[in-house]
């Protein structure tokens, strides 16, 4: 599953709000996805646009930083690198998440 948007506006001040929200969403999303599709997701994924954001909330919520994109985007067949570079963050939902991903 991919997290497309997550933003807490700068004037909102509440301790640990971002990591709390991510934890609540993670639990709810997993249950809702299974109820709707009868399928258990093994991994959550998100992209954080650099240099605008650093991904601090994902780090605080124990997500794993995998690296950065090249700035191409999925439709960049001409290799123009016109998109912003983004950092890639994942949250495994099961201990051996690689196995079902690699076995199709």
C-alpha atoms as a PDB file:
ATOM      1  CA  UNK A   1       0.000   0.000   0.000  1.00  0.00           C
ATOM      2  CA  UNK A   2       1.236   3.476  -0.795  1.00  0.00           C
ATOM      3  CA  UNK A   3       0.694   6.534   1.400  1.00  0.00           C
ATOM      4  CA  UNK A   4       0.166   9.368  -1.076  1.00  0.00           C
ATOM      5  CA  UNK A   5      -0.385  12.361   1.221  1.00  0.00           C
ATOM      6  CA  UNK A   6       0.420  13.088   4.850  1.00  0.00           C
ATOM      7  CA  UNK A   7       0.801  16.639   6.080  1.00  0.00           C
ATOM      8  CA  UNK A   8       0.375  18.250   9.477  1.00  0.00           C
ATOM      9  CA  UNK A   9       0.170  21.992   9.121  1.00  0.00           C
ATOM     10  CA  UNK A  10       2.930  23.991  10.839  1.00  0.00           C
ATOM     11  CA  UNK A  11       0.639  25.784  13.284  1.00  0.00           C
ATOM     12  CA  UNK A  12      -0.638  22.510  14.777  1.00  0.00           C
ATOM     13  CA  UNK A  13       1.308  21.731  17.945  1.00  0.00           C
ATOM     14  CA  UNK A  14       0.740  18.407  19.666  1.00  0.00           C
ATOM     15  CA  UNK A  15       3.515  16.211  21.001  1.00  0.00           C
ATOM     16  CA  UNK A  16       4.120  13.040  18.955  1.00  0.00           C
ATOM     17  CA  UNK A  17       1.038  13.727  16.814  1.00  0.00           C
ATOM     18  CA  UNK A  18       2.554  12.516  13.540  1.00  0.00           C
ATOM     19  CA  UNK A  19       3.800   9.169  14.851  1.00  0.00           C
ATOM     20  CA  UNK A  20       0.495   8.618  16.691  1.00  0.00           C
ATOM     21  CA  UNK A  21      -1.487   9.254  13.512  1.00  0.00           C
ATOM     22  CA  UNK A  22       0.775   6.958  11.489  1.00  0.00           C
ATOM     23  CA  UNK A  23       0.336   4.171  14.058  1.00  0.00           C
ATOM     24  CA  UNK A  24      -3.468   4.561  14.105  1.00  0.00           C
ATOM     25  CA  UNK A  25      -3.674   4.643  10.310  1.00  0.00           C
ATOM     26  CA  UNK A  26      -1.391   1.615  10.012  1.00  0.00           C
ATOM     27  CA  UNK A  27      -3.625  -0.469  12.283  1.00  0.00           C
ATOM     28  CA  UNK A  28      -6.864   0.706  10.719  1.00  0.00           C
ATOM     29  CA  UNK A  29      -5.647   0.424   7.141  1.00  0.00           C
ATOM     30  CA  UNK A  30      -4.452  -3.135   7.620  1.00  0.00           C
ATOM     31  CA  UNK A  31      -7.818  -4.245   9.016  1.00  0.00           C
ATOM     32  CA  UNK A  32      -9.867  -2.297   6.452  1.00  0.00           C
ATOM     33  CA  UNK A  33      -7.797  -3.596   3.523  1.00  0.00           C
ATOM     34  CA  UNK A  34      -8.291  -7.179   4.687  1.00  0.00           C
ATOM     35  CA  UNK A  35     -12.028  -6.667   5.221  1.00  0.00           C
ATOM     36  CA  UNK A  36     -12.468  -5.154   1.755  1.00  0.00           C
ATOM     37  CA  UNK A  37     -10.125  -7.275  -0.355  1.00  0.00           C
ATOM     38  CA  UNK A  38      -9.623 -10.403   1.804  1.00  0.00           C
ATOM     39  CA  UNK A  39      -5.905  -9.875   1.394  1.00  0.00           C
ATOM     40  CA  UNK A  40      -3.265  -9.007   3.984  1.00  0.00           C
ATOM     41  CA  UNK A  41      -0.777  -6.360   2.961  1.00  0.00           C
ATOM     42  CA  UNK A  42       2.829  -7.004   3.907  1.00  0.00           C
ATOM     43  CA  UNK A  43       4.357  -3.557   3.427  1.00  0.00           C
ATOM     44  CA  UNK A  44       3.467   0.142   3.547  1.00  0.00           C
ATOM     45  CA  UNK A  45       5.352   2.571   1.319  1.00  0.00           C
ATOM     46  CA  UNK A  46       5.606   6.338   1.031  1.00  0.00           C
ATOM     47  CA  UNK A  47       7.728   8.898  -0.784  1.00  0.00           C
ATOM     48  CA  UNK A  48       8.861  12.156   0.874  1.00  0.00           C
ATOM     49  CA  UNK A  49       9.786  15.053  -1.384  1.00  0.00           C
ATOM     50  CA  UNK A  50      13.301  16.367  -0.777  1.00  0.00           C
ATOM     51  CA  UNK A  51      14.465  19.014   0.137  1.00  0.00           C
ATOM     52  CA  UNK A  52      11.025  20.292   1.224  1.00  0.00           C
ATOM     53  CA  UNK A  53      10.562  17.589   3.858  1.00  0.00           C
ATOM     54  CA  UNK A  54      12.911  15.323   5.799  1.00  0.00           C
ATOM     55  CA  UNK A  55      10.684  12.395   6.787  1.00  0.00           C
ATOM     56  CA  UNK A  56      11.204  12.983  10.512  1.00  0.00           C
ATOM     57  CA  UNK A  57       7.725  11.726  11.381  1.00  0.00           C
ATOM     58  CA  UNK A  58       8.359   8.448   9.548  1.00  0.00           C
ATOM     59  CA  UNK A  59      11.665   7.996  11.319  1.00  0.00           C
ATOM     60  CA  UNK A  60       9.960   8.654  14.665  1.00  0.00           C
ATOM     61  CA  UNK A  61       7.291   6.074  13.799  1.00  0.00           C
ATOM     62  CA  UNK A  62       9.956   3.403  13.059  1.00  0.00           C
ATOM     63  CA  UNK A  63       9.628   3.406   9.291  1.00  0.00           C
ATOM     64  CA  UNK A  64      12.732   2.343   7.326  1.00  0.00           C
ATOM     65  CA  UNK A  65      14.461   4.726   4.930  1.00  0.00           C
ATOM     66  CA  UNK A  66      15.494   2.819   1.790  1.00  0.00           C
ATOM     67  CA  UNK A  67      17.141   5.581  -0.223  1.00  0.00           C
ATOM     68  CA  UNK A  68      16.218   8.212  -2.776  1.00  0.00           C
ATOM     69  CA  UNK A  69      14.560   8.236  -6.185  1.00  0.00           C
ATOM     70  CA  UNK A  70      16.295   9.609  -9.278  1.00  0.00           C
ATOM     71  CA  UNK A  71      13.625  12.231  -9.925  1.00  0.00           C
ATOM     72  CA  UNK A  72      12.287  10.538 -13.033  1.00  0.00           C
ATOM     73  CA  UNK A  73       8.718   9.552 -12.225  1.00  0.00           C
ATOM     74  CA  UNK A  74       6.988   6.501 -13.631  1.00  0.00           C
ATOM     75  CA  UNK A  75       6.103   8.123 -16.969  1.00  0.00           C
ATOM     76  CA  UNK A  76       9.551   9.552 -17.767  1.00  0.00           C
ATOM     77  CA  UNK A  77      10.364   7.469 -20.837  1.00  0.00           C
ATOM     78  CA  UNK A  78      12.733  10.162 -22.144  1.00  0.00           C
ATOM     79  CA  UNK A  79      14.905  10.153 -18.986  1.00  0.00           C
ATOM     80  CA  UNK A  80      14.486  13.874 -18.331  1.00  0.00           C
ATOM     81  CA  UNK A  81      14.628  13.647 -14.519  1.00  0.00           C
ATOM     82  CA  UNK A  82      12.075  16.473 -14.282  1.00  0.00           C
ATOM     83  CA  UNK A  83      10.469  15.342 -11.015  1.00  0.00           C
ATOM     84  CA  UNK A  84      11.708  16.225  -7.525  1.00  0.00           C
ATOM     85  CA  UNK A  85      13.937  13.678  -5.797  1.00  0.00           C
ATOM     86  CA  UNK A  86      12.080  11.815  -3.072  1.00  0.00           C
ATOM     87  CA  UNK A  87      13.208   9.661  -0.196  1.00  0.00           C
ATOM     88  CA  UNK A  88      11.610   6.209  -0.030  1.00  0.00           C
ATOM     89  CA  UNK A  89      10.232   4.986   3.315  1.00  0.00           C
ATOM     90  CA  UNK A  90       8.677   1.598   4.084  1.00  0.00           C
ATOM     91  CA  UNK A  91       6.976   0.004   7.064  1.00  0.00           C
ATOM     92  CA  UNK A  92       6.934  -3.811   7.062  1.00  0.00           C
ATOM     93  CA  UNK A  93       3.684  -5.272   8.379  1.00  0.00           C
ATOM     94  CA  UNK A  94       5.146  -8.727   8.911  1.00  0.00           C
ATOM     95  CA  UNK A  95       8.546  -9.998   9.970  1.00  0.00           C
ATOM     96  CA  UNK A  96       9.439 -11.802   6.722  1.00  0.00           C
ATOM     97  CA  UNK A  97       7.774  -9.345   4.321  1.00  0.00           C
ATOM     98  CA  UNK A  98      10.326 -10.070   1.559  1.00  0.00           C
ATOM     99  CA  UNK A  99       9.156 -13.656   1.088  1.00  0.00           C
ATOM    100  CA  UNK A 100       5.625 -12.972  -0.222  1.00  0.00           C
ATOM    101  CA  UNK A 101       6.885 -10.050  -2.304  1.00  0.00           C
ATOM    102  CA  UNK A 102       9.530 -12.170  -4.025  1.00  0.00           C
ATOM    103  CA  UNK A 103       7.371 -15.259  -4.486  1.00  0.00           C
ATOM    104  CA  UNK A 104       4.572 -13.397  -6.298  1.00  0.00           C
END
